[in-house]
């Protein structure tokens, strides 16, 4: 079966259906007969988005499409980063609201990190500086400034 390729339509047309295409007014004026091997190459080029031209010697000039811009390639990755960032920030905001509800934060009080006794080494807790000062005053011997 003879097949024609139309560069304007970027499609293939079987020669035995020419009458039906002409009746519909869709028969390509620029149709060129192609071999099955050329048809396979041209179909692959069309799928890849390549530019196709017929050279004067009868050979096909297939030019690969330009690479996608970096912004297009990076967009899916950046969207996932934004989604992860938003989830982390929402989680932190939830922790902050819970701390404020418990009275642990938001009052402007200064804290010190104190290593806990009878715990694993490196276990710390935030202790308000006011509480440390009270303990120092209560534990100071009479007549000694804290």
N, C-alpha and C. Protein backbone atom coordinates (compact mmCIF):
# COMPACT_ATOMS: atom_id res chain seq x y z
N UNK A 1 0.85 -1.17 0.00
CA UNK A 1 0.00 0.00 0.00
C UNK A 1 0.90 1.24 0.00
N UNK A 2 0.57 2.18 -0.86
CA UNK A 2 1.32 3.43 -0.96
C UNK A 2 0.79 4.43 0.06
N UNK A 3 1.73 5.08 0.76
CA UNK A 3 1.36 6.07 1.76
C UNK A 3 2.02 7.39 1.42
N UNK A 4 1.27 8.47 1.61
CA UNK A 4 1.81 9.81 1.38
C UNK A 4 1.91 10.53 2.72
N UNK A 5 2.94 11.38 2.84
CA UNK A 5 3.13 12.19 4.05
C UNK A 5 2.90 13.65 3.69
N UNK A 6 2.13 14.35 4.54
CA UNK A 6 1.90 15.78 4.36
C UNK A 6 2.57 16.50 5.52
N UNK A 7 3.52 17.38 5.19
CA UNK A 7 4.21 18.13 6.24
C UNK A 7 3.30 19.19 6.85
N UNK A 8 2.39 19.76 6.03
CA UNK A 8 1.46 20.75 6.58
C UNK A 8 0.50 20.10 7.57
N UNK A 9 -0.02 18.95 7.23
CA UNK A 9 -0.95 18.24 8.11
C UNK A 9 -0.22 17.41 9.16
N UNK A 10 1.08 17.21 8.96
CA UNK A 10 1.90 16.35 9.81
C UNK A 10 1.22 15.00 10.01
N UNK A 11 0.79 14.45 8.89
CA UNK A 11 0.10 13.17 8.94
C UNK A 11 0.33 12.34 7.69
N UNK A 12 -0.17 11.12 7.73
CA UNK A 12 -0.01 10.16 6.64
C UNK A 12 -1.37 9.86 6.03
N UNK A 13 -1.35 9.68 4.71
CA UNK A 13 -2.58 9.47 3.96
C UNK A 13 -2.40 8.28 3.02
N UNK A 14 -3.23 7.25 3.14
CA UNK A 14 -3.14 6.12 2.21
C UNK A 14 -3.61 6.53 0.81
N UNK A 15 -2.83 6.21 -0.19
CA UNK A 15 -3.14 6.62 -1.57
C UNK A 15 -4.44 6.00 -2.07
N UNK A 16 -4.78 4.80 -1.59
CA UNK A 16 -6.00 4.17 -2.08
C UNK A 16 -7.28 4.83 -1.54
N UNK A 17 -7.14 5.79 -0.62
CA UNK A 17 -8.30 6.52 -0.10
C UNK A 17 -8.35 7.96 -0.61
N UNK A 18 -7.59 8.26 -1.67
CA UNK A 18 -7.51 9.62 -2.19
C UNK A 18 -8.88 10.16 -2.57
N UNK A 19 -9.71 9.35 -3.21
CA UNK A 19 -11.03 9.82 -3.66
C UNK A 19 -11.87 10.26 -2.45
N UNK A 20 -11.83 9.51 -1.36
CA UNK A 20 -12.62 9.86 -0.18
C UNK A 20 -12.10 11.15 0.45
N UNK A 21 -10.76 11.30 0.51
CA UNK A 21 -10.18 12.54 1.07
C UNK A 21 -10.52 13.74 0.18
N UNK A 22 -10.46 13.56 -1.15
CA UNK A 22 -10.79 14.67 -2.05
C UNK A 22 -12.26 15.05 -1.93
N UNK A 23 -13.13 14.06 -1.78
CA UNK A 23 -14.56 14.34 -1.62
C UNK A 23 -14.81 15.15 -0.34
N UNK A 24 -14.00 14.87 0.70
CA UNK A 24 -14.14 15.59 1.97
C UNK A 24 -13.37 16.91 1.95
N UNK A 25 -12.56 17.11 0.91
CA UNK A 25 -11.76 18.34 0.79
C UNK A 25 -10.56 18.36 1.72
N UNK A 26 -10.06 17.19 2.09
CA UNK A 26 -8.93 17.12 3.01
C UNK A 26 -7.68 16.46 2.42
N UNK A 27 -7.69 16.22 1.11
CA UNK A 27 -6.50 15.61 0.50
C UNK A 27 -5.37 16.64 0.47
N UNK A 28 -4.18 16.31 0.97
CA UNK A 28 -3.10 17.29 1.07
C UNK A 28 -2.46 17.57 -0.29
N UNK A 29 -2.24 18.84 -0.56
CA UNK A 29 -1.59 19.23 -1.81
C UNK A 29 -0.09 18.97 -1.74
N UNK A 30 0.47 18.92 -0.53
CA UNK A 30 1.92 18.74 -0.38
C UNK A 30 2.30 17.29 -0.07
N UNK A 31 1.40 16.34 -0.34
CA UNK A 31 1.67 14.93 -0.04
C UNK A 31 2.85 14.39 -0.83
N UNK A 32 3.72 13.66 -0.14
CA UNK A 32 4.91 13.05 -0.75
C UNK A 32 4.88 11.57 -0.41
N UNK A 33 5.14 10.74 -1.42
CA UNK A 33 5.15 9.30 -1.19
C UNK A 33 6.34 8.93 -0.30
N UNK A 34 6.08 8.05 0.68
CA UNK A 34 7.14 7.63 1.59
C UNK A 34 7.22 6.11 1.66
N UNK A 35 8.42 5.64 1.92
CA UNK A 35 8.63 4.20 2.10
C UNK A 35 8.22 3.83 3.52
N UNK A 36 7.99 2.55 3.79
CA UNK A 36 7.66 2.14 5.17
C UNK A 36 8.75 2.53 6.18
N UNK A 37 10.02 2.48 5.75
CA UNK A 37 11.12 2.86 6.65
C UNK A 37 11.06 4.35 6.97
N UNK A 38 10.83 5.17 5.91
CA UNK A 38 10.71 6.62 6.13
C UNK A 38 9.48 6.93 7.00
N UNK A 39 8.40 6.21 6.76
CA UNK A 39 7.20 6.43 7.56
C UNK A 39 7.48 6.18 9.05
N UNK A 40 8.21 5.12 9.35
CA UNK A 40 8.55 4.83 10.75
C UNK A 40 9.40 5.95 11.35
N UNK A 41 10.40 6.43 10.57
CA UNK A 41 11.24 7.52 11.06
C UNK A 41 10.43 8.80 11.27
N UNK A 42 9.56 9.10 10.31
CA UNK A 42 8.75 10.31 10.41
C UNK A 42 7.76 10.25 11.56
N UNK A 43 7.17 9.09 11.79
CA UNK A 43 6.25 8.94 12.92
C UNK A 43 6.98 9.15 14.25
N UNK A 44 8.19 8.61 14.36
CA UNK A 44 8.99 8.81 15.58
C UNK A 44 9.33 10.29 15.76
N UNK A 45 9.65 10.97 14.66
CA UNK A 45 9.98 12.39 14.73
C UNK A 45 8.76 13.22 15.13
N UNK A 46 7.60 12.88 14.60
CA UNK A 46 6.37 13.60 14.95
C UNK A 46 6.06 13.42 16.44
N UNK A 47 6.21 12.19 16.91
CA UNK A 47 5.96 11.90 18.33
C UNK A 47 6.90 12.70 19.23
N UNK A 48 8.16 12.84 18.81
CA UNK A 48 9.15 13.58 19.60
C UNK A 48 9.00 15.09 19.48
N UNK A 49 8.17 15.56 18.54
CA UNK A 49 7.99 16.99 18.35
C UNK A 49 9.07 17.62 17.49
N UNK A 50 9.75 16.82 16.69
CA UNK A 50 10.84 17.33 15.85
C UNK A 50 10.30 18.09 14.64
N UNK A 51 11.19 18.88 14.05
CA UNK A 51 10.88 19.61 12.83
C UNK A 51 11.28 18.73 11.65
N UNK A 52 10.39 18.63 10.64
CA UNK A 52 10.63 17.76 9.49
C UNK A 52 10.61 18.59 8.22
N UNK A 53 11.65 18.40 7.37
CA UNK A 53 11.69 19.05 6.06
C UNK A 53 12.21 18.04 5.05
N UNK A 54 11.74 18.19 3.83
CA UNK A 54 12.22 17.34 2.74
C UNK A 54 13.35 18.08 2.04
N UNK A 55 14.53 17.44 1.97
CA UNK A 55 15.67 18.05 1.29
C UNK A 55 15.51 17.89 -0.22
N UNK A 56 16.30 18.66 -0.95
CA UNK A 56 16.19 18.63 -2.41
C UNK A 56 16.60 17.27 -2.97
N UNK A 57 17.46 16.54 -2.29
CA UNK A 57 17.90 15.23 -2.78
C UNK A 57 16.92 14.12 -2.47
N UNK A 58 15.78 14.46 -1.88
CA UNK A 58 14.78 13.44 -1.57
C UNK A 58 14.91 12.89 -0.17
N UNK A 59 15.93 13.30 0.56
CA UNK A 59 16.10 12.81 1.93
C UNK A 59 15.33 13.72 2.89
N UNK A 60 15.09 13.20 4.07
CA UNK A 60 14.36 13.93 5.09
C UNK A 60 15.34 14.58 6.06
N UNK A 61 15.08 15.83 6.39
CA UNK A 61 15.88 16.56 7.38
C UNK A 61 15.03 16.63 8.65
N UNK A 62 15.44 15.88 9.67
CA UNK A 62 14.71 15.83 10.93
C UNK A 62 15.56 16.53 11.98
N UNK A 63 15.01 17.61 12.54
CA UNK A 63 15.70 18.39 13.56
C UNK A 63 15.01 18.17 14.90
N UNK A 64 15.79 17.78 15.90
CA UNK A 64 15.24 17.53 17.23
C UNK A 64 14.62 18.82 17.80
N UNK A 65 13.60 18.68 18.61
CA UNK A 65 12.99 19.87 19.21
C UNK A 65 13.95 20.51 20.22
N UNK A 66 13.81 21.80 20.45
CA UNK A 66 14.69 22.44 21.44
C UNK A 66 14.39 21.88 22.83
N UNK A 67 15.39 21.86 23.71
CA UNK A 67 15.13 21.35 25.06
C UNK A 67 14.16 22.26 25.81
N UNK A 68 13.46 21.67 26.75
CA UNK A 68 12.52 22.45 27.55
C UNK A 68 13.28 23.43 28.44
N UNK A 69 12.71 24.61 28.67
CA UNK A 69 13.36 25.57 29.57
C UNK A 69 13.46 25.00 30.98
N UNK A 70 14.46 25.45 31.72
CA UNK A 70 14.68 24.95 33.08
C UNK A 70 13.45 25.17 33.95
N UNK A 71 12.79 26.30 33.78
CA UNK A 71 11.61 26.60 34.61
C UNK A 71 10.54 25.54 34.44
N UNK A 72 10.36 25.05 33.23
CA UNK A 72 9.35 24.02 32.97
C UNK A 72 9.77 22.71 33.62
N UNK A 73 11.07 22.37 33.52
CA UNK A 73 11.56 21.13 34.11
C UNK A 73 11.52 21.17 35.64
N UNK A 74 11.81 22.34 36.22
CA UNK A 74 11.90 22.46 37.67
C UNK A 74 10.54 22.63 38.34
N UNK A 75 9.52 23.01 37.60
CA UNK A 75 8.21 23.32 38.19
C UNK A 75 7.64 22.18 39.03
N UNK A 76 7.63 20.93 38.58
CA UNK A 76 7.07 19.86 39.43
C UNK A 76 7.86 19.68 40.73
N UNK A 77 9.18 19.75 40.65
CA UNK A 77 10.00 19.60 41.85
C UNK A 77 9.75 20.75 42.83
N UNK A 78 9.73 21.97 42.30
CA UNK A 78 9.50 23.13 43.17
C UNK A 78 8.11 23.08 43.80
N UNK A 79 7.13 22.57 43.08
CA UNK A 79 5.78 22.43 43.64
C UNK A 79 5.80 21.46 44.81
N UNK A 80 6.55 20.35 44.69
CA UNK A 80 6.62 19.39 45.80
C UNK A 80 7.37 19.99 46.98
N UNK A 81 8.41 20.80 46.72
CA UNK A 81 9.13 21.47 47.80
C UNK A 81 8.20 22.44 48.53
N UNK A 82 7.42 23.21 47.78
CA UNK A 82 6.48 24.14 48.40
C UNK A 82 5.45 23.41 49.25
N UNK A 83 4.97 22.28 48.75
CA UNK A 83 3.97 21.50 49.49
C UNK A 83 4.57 20.98 50.80
N UNK A 84 5.81 20.48 50.75
CA UNK A 84 6.47 20.00 51.96
C UNK A 84 6.72 21.14 52.93
N UNK A 85 7.19 22.28 52.40
CA UNK A 85 7.45 23.44 53.24
C UNK A 85 6.17 23.89 53.94
N UNK A 86 5.07 23.96 53.19
CA UNK A 86 3.80 24.39 53.78
C UNK A 86 3.35 23.43 54.88
N UNK A 87 3.54 22.12 54.65
CA UNK A 87 3.16 21.14 55.66
C UNK A 87 3.99 21.33 56.93
N UNK A 88 5.29 21.57 56.77
CA UNK A 88 6.17 21.78 57.94
C UNK A 88 5.77 23.06 58.67
N UNK A 89 5.55 24.14 57.93
CA UNK A 89 5.18 25.40 58.57
C UNK A 89 3.83 25.30 59.28
N UNK A 90 2.89 24.59 58.68
CA UNK A 90 1.60 24.40 59.33
C UNK A 90 1.74 23.58 60.61
N UNK A 91 2.62 22.58 60.57
CA UNK A 91 2.86 21.76 61.77
C UNK A 91 3.50 22.61 62.87
N UNK A 92 4.48 23.41 62.49
CA UNK A 92 5.13 24.28 63.49
C UNK A 92 4.15 25.30 64.06
N UNK A 93 3.29 25.83 63.22
CA UNK A 93 2.29 26.78 63.70
C UNK A 93 1.36 26.09 64.69
N UNK A 94 1.00 24.86 64.41
CA UNK A 94 0.14 24.10 65.33
C UNK A 94 0.82 23.87 66.66
N UNK A 95 2.11 23.55 66.63
CA UNK A 95 2.87 23.35 67.87
C UNK A 95 2.92 24.66 68.65
N UNK A 96 3.15 25.77 67.94
CA UNK A 96 3.19 27.07 68.60
C UNK A 96 1.88 27.43 69.25
N UNK A 97 0.76 27.17 68.57
CA UNK A 97 -0.55 27.47 69.15
C UNK A 97 -0.81 26.60 70.37
N UNK A 98 -0.39 25.33 70.30
CA UNK A 98 -0.57 24.44 71.45
C UNK A 98 0.26 24.91 72.63
N UNK A 99 1.49 25.37 72.37
CA UNK A 99 2.34 25.87 73.43
C UNK A 99 1.75 27.12 74.06
N UNK A 100 1.19 27.99 73.24
CA UNK A 100 0.59 29.22 73.77
C UNK A 100 -0.64 28.87 74.60
N UNK A 101 -1.40 27.88 74.19
CA UNK A 101 -2.58 27.48 74.93
C UNK A 101 -2.20 26.90 76.29
N UNK A 102 -1.04 26.22 76.36
CA UNK A 102 -0.56 25.65 77.61
C UNK A 102 0.17 26.67 78.47
N UNK A 103 0.37 27.87 77.96
CA UNK A 103 1.08 28.90 78.71
C UNK A 103 2.58 28.75 78.64
N UNK A 104 3.09 27.97 77.70
CA UNK A 104 4.53 27.74 77.60
C UNK A 104 5.26 28.81 76.79
N UNK A 105 4.56 29.62 76.06
CA UNK A 105 5.26 30.56 75.18
C UNK A 105 4.40 31.79 74.99
N UNK A 106 5.01 32.79 74.43
CA UNK A 106 4.27 33.97 74.05
C UNK A 106 4.18 35.03 75.14
N UNK A 107 4.78 34.79 76.32
CA UNK A 107 4.68 35.78 77.37
C UNK A 107 5.94 36.64 77.47
N UNK A 108 6.91 36.42 76.63
CA UNK A 108 8.12 37.23 76.61
C UNK A 108 9.10 36.88 77.70
N UNK A 109 8.82 35.84 78.47
CA UNK A 109 9.70 35.45 79.57
C UNK A 109 10.95 34.77 79.01
N UNK A 110 12.10 35.06 79.60
CA UNK A 110 13.36 34.46 79.18
C UNK A 110 13.51 33.07 79.78
N UNK A 111 14.10 32.17 79.02
CA UNK A 111 14.30 30.80 79.46
C UNK A 111 15.77 30.43 79.34
N UNK A 112 16.17 29.45 80.14
CA UNK A 112 17.51 28.88 80.05
C UNK A 112 17.37 27.39 79.82
N UNK A 113 18.29 26.83 79.06
CA UNK A 113 18.27 25.38 78.82
C UNK A 113 19.06 24.73 79.95
N UNK A 114 18.41 23.85 80.69
CA UNK A 114 19.02 23.19 81.85
C UNK A 114 19.05 21.70 81.59
N UNK A 115 20.23 21.09 81.83
CA UNK A 115 20.33 19.64 81.65
C UNK A 115 19.59 18.94 82.79
N UNK A 116 18.82 17.93 82.44
CA UNK A 116 17.99 17.25 83.43
C UNK A 116 18.80 16.21 84.19
N UNK A 117 18.57 16.18 85.50
CA UNK A 117 19.18 15.13 86.33
C UNK A 117 18.38 13.85 86.16
N UNK A 118 19.01 12.74 86.38
CA UNK A 118 18.36 11.42 86.34
C UNK A 118 17.72 11.13 84.98
N UNK A 119 18.32 11.66 83.93
CA UNK A 119 17.83 11.40 82.58
C UNK A 119 19.03 11.00 81.73
N UNK A 120 18.78 10.69 80.49
CA UNK A 120 19.87 10.39 79.57
C UNK A 120 20.75 11.62 79.42
N UNK A 121 22.04 11.44 79.24
CA UNK A 121 22.91 12.60 79.01
C UNK A 121 22.44 13.35 77.76
N UNK A 122 22.47 14.67 77.87
CA UNK A 122 22.07 15.49 76.74
C UNK A 122 20.60 15.84 76.72
N UNK A 123 19.85 15.45 77.74
CA UNK A 123 18.42 15.79 77.81
C UNK A 123 18.30 17.15 78.50
N UNK A 124 17.68 18.11 77.83
CA UNK A 124 17.57 19.46 78.36
C UNK A 124 16.10 19.87 78.44
N UNK A 125 15.87 20.90 79.25
CA UNK A 125 14.52 21.44 79.38
C UNK A 125 14.64 22.96 79.48
N UNK A 126 13.70 23.67 78.90
CA UNK A 126 13.69 25.13 79.01
C UNK A 126 13.05 25.50 80.35
N UNK A 127 13.79 26.26 81.14
CA UNK A 127 13.32 26.68 82.46
C UNK A 127 13.29 28.20 82.47
N UNK A 128 12.19 28.80 82.93
CA UNK A 128 12.13 30.27 83.00
C UNK A 128 13.22 30.80 83.94
N UNK A 129 13.86 31.89 83.55
CA UNK A 129 14.92 32.47 84.38
C UNK A 129 14.39 32.93 85.73
N UNK A 130 13.15 33.36 85.78
CA UNK A 130 12.55 33.77 87.05
C UNK A 130 12.52 32.63 88.05
N UNK A 131 12.24 31.42 87.58
CA UNK A 131 12.20 30.26 88.48
C UNK A 131 13.60 29.95 89.00
N UNK A 132 14.62 30.12 88.17
CA UNK A 132 15.99 29.88 88.60
C UNK A 132 16.38 30.89 89.68
N UNK A 133 16.00 32.14 89.48
CA UNK A 133 16.30 33.17 90.47
C UNK A 133 15.60 32.88 91.80
N UNK A 134 14.38 32.41 91.76
CA UNK A 134 13.65 32.09 92.99
C UNK A 134 14.34 30.96 93.75
N UNK A 135 14.81 29.95 93.04
CA UNK A 135 15.50 28.83 93.68
C UNK A 135 16.81 29.31 94.29
N UNK A 136 17.51 30.17 93.60
CA UNK A 136 18.76 30.70 94.14
C UNK A 136 18.50 31.49 95.42
N UNK A 137 17.46 32.29 95.48
CA UNK A 137 17.13 33.08 96.68
C UNK A 137 16.71 32.16 97.83
N UNK A 138 15.93 31.13 97.51
CA UNK A 138 15.45 30.24 98.56
C UNK A 138 16.58 29.38 99.12
N UNK A 139 17.53 29.02 98.29
CA UNK A 139 18.62 28.15 98.73
C UNK A 139 19.79 28.91 99.33
N UNK A 140 19.83 30.22 99.21
CA UNK A 140 20.97 31.01 99.72
C UNK A 140 20.89 31.06 101.24
N UNK A 141 22.04 30.88 101.92
CA UNK A 141 22.04 30.98 103.39
C UNK A 141 21.69 32.39 103.83
N UNK A 142 21.17 32.50 105.00
CA UNK A 142 20.77 33.80 105.57
C UNK A 142 22.00 34.71 105.63
N UNK A 143 21.79 35.92 105.15
CA UNK A 143 22.87 36.91 105.18
C UNK A 143 23.74 36.90 103.94
N UNK A 144 23.54 35.94 103.03
CA UNK A 144 24.31 35.88 101.78
C UNK A 144 23.42 36.32 100.62
N UNK A 145 23.92 37.22 99.81
CA UNK A 145 23.09 37.61 98.65
C UNK A 145 23.02 36.47 97.65
N UNK A 146 21.92 36.35 97.01
CA UNK A 146 21.74 35.26 96.04
C UNK A 146 22.37 35.59 94.72
